[in-house]
Amino acid sequence: MAEHEHGKMDITVQEKTFASFMSFVTRTTIVILVLLVLMALFIR
């Protein structure tokens, strides 16, 4: 078995996936907050 060297693994794909996931979560959270505010204003 090969020896593991810390910091040698290529993680560019994982970084791109994580960035995409965080973008999705941020946009979804903003949409949900806007919908909640609109519901609070117009549904009484």
C-alpha atoms as a PDB file:
ATOM      1  CA  MET A   1       0.000   0.000   0.000  1.00  0.00           C
ATOM      2  CA  ALA A   2       1.297   3.471  -0.871  1.00  0.00           C
ATOM      3  CA  GLU A   3       2.205   5.922   1.843  1.00  0.00           C
ATOM      4  CA  HIS A   4      -0.182   8.843   2.316  1.00  0.00           C
ATOM      5  CA  GLU A   5       1.369  12.293   2.048  1.00  0.00           C
ATOM      6  CA  HIS A   6      -0.694  15.035   3.639  1.00  0.00           C
ATOM      7  CA  GLY A   7      -1.662  17.803   1.195  1.00  0.00           C
ATOM      8  CA  LYS A   8      -0.842  15.907  -2.005  1.00  0.00           C
ATOM      9  CA  MET A   9      -4.388  14.975  -3.095  1.00  0.00           C
ATOM     10  CA  ASP A  10      -6.022  16.927  -5.939  1.00  0.00           C
ATOM     11  CA  ILE A  11      -9.274  18.288  -4.493  1.00  0.00           C
ATOM     12  CA  THR A  12     -10.343  20.724  -7.229  1.00  0.00           C
ATOM     13  CA  VAL A  13     -13.461  18.681  -8.075  1.00  0.00           C
ATOM     14  CA  GLN A  14     -14.517  18.533  -4.424  1.00  0.00           C
ATOM     15  CA  GLU A  15     -13.948  22.294  -4.054  1.00  0.00           C
ATOM     16  CA  LYS A  16     -16.116  23.028  -7.118  1.00  0.00           C
ATOM     17  CA  THR A  17     -18.846  20.698  -5.828  1.00  0.00           C
ATOM     18  CA  PHE A  18     -18.812  22.348  -2.408  1.00  0.00           C
ATOM     19  CA  ALA A  19     -18.933  25.838  -3.958  1.00  0.00           C
ATOM     20  CA  SER A  20     -21.921  24.805  -6.093  1.00  0.00           C
ATOM     21  CA  PHE A  21     -23.669  23.313  -3.074  1.00  0.00           C
ATOM     22  CA  MET A  22     -23.113  26.452  -0.994  1.00  0.00           C
ATOM     23  CA  SER A  23     -24.416  28.624  -3.837  1.00  0.00           C
ATOM     24  CA  PHE A  24     -27.542  26.454  -4.067  1.00  0.00           C
ATOM     25  CA  VAL A  25     -28.129  26.609  -0.307  1.00  0.00           C
ATOM     26  CA  THR A  26     -27.632  30.390  -0.233  1.00  0.00           C
ATOM     27  CA  ARG A  27     -30.035  31.018  -3.111  1.00  0.00           C
ATOM     28  CA  THR A  28     -32.632  28.639  -1.679  1.00  0.00           C
ATOM     29  CA  THR A  29     -32.444  30.339   1.718  1.00  0.00           C
ATOM     30  CA  ILE A  30     -32.923  33.761   0.128  1.00  0.00           C
ATOM     31  CA  VAL A  31     -35.952  32.537  -1.842  1.00  0.00           C
ATOM     32  CA  ILE A  32     -37.512  31.021   1.285  1.00  0.00           C
ATOM     33  CA  LEU A  33     -36.962  34.233   3.271  1.00  0.00           C
ATOM     34  CA  VAL A  34     -38.495  36.362   0.508  1.00  0.00           C
ATOM     35  CA  LEU A  35     -41.515  34.050   0.351  1.00  0.00           C
ATOM     36  CA  LEU A  36     -41.960  34.235   4.129  1.00  0.00           C
ATOM     37  CA  VAL A  37     -41.831  38.037   4.065  1.00  0.00           C
ATOM     38  CA  LEU A  38     -44.339  38.181   1.212  1.00  0.00           C
ATOM     39  CA  MET A  39     -46.636  35.786   3.047  1.00  0.00           C
ATOM     40  CA  ALA A  40     -46.406  37.909   6.190  1.00  0.00           C
ATOM     41  CA  LEU A  41     -47.312  41.046   4.216  1.00  0.00           C
ATOM     42  CA  PHE A  42     -50.133  39.749   2.021  1.00  0.00           C
ATOM     43  CA  ILE A  43     -51.768  36.887   3.901  1.00  0.00           C
ATOM     44  CA  ARG A  44     -53.751  38.205   6.822  1.00  0.00           C
END
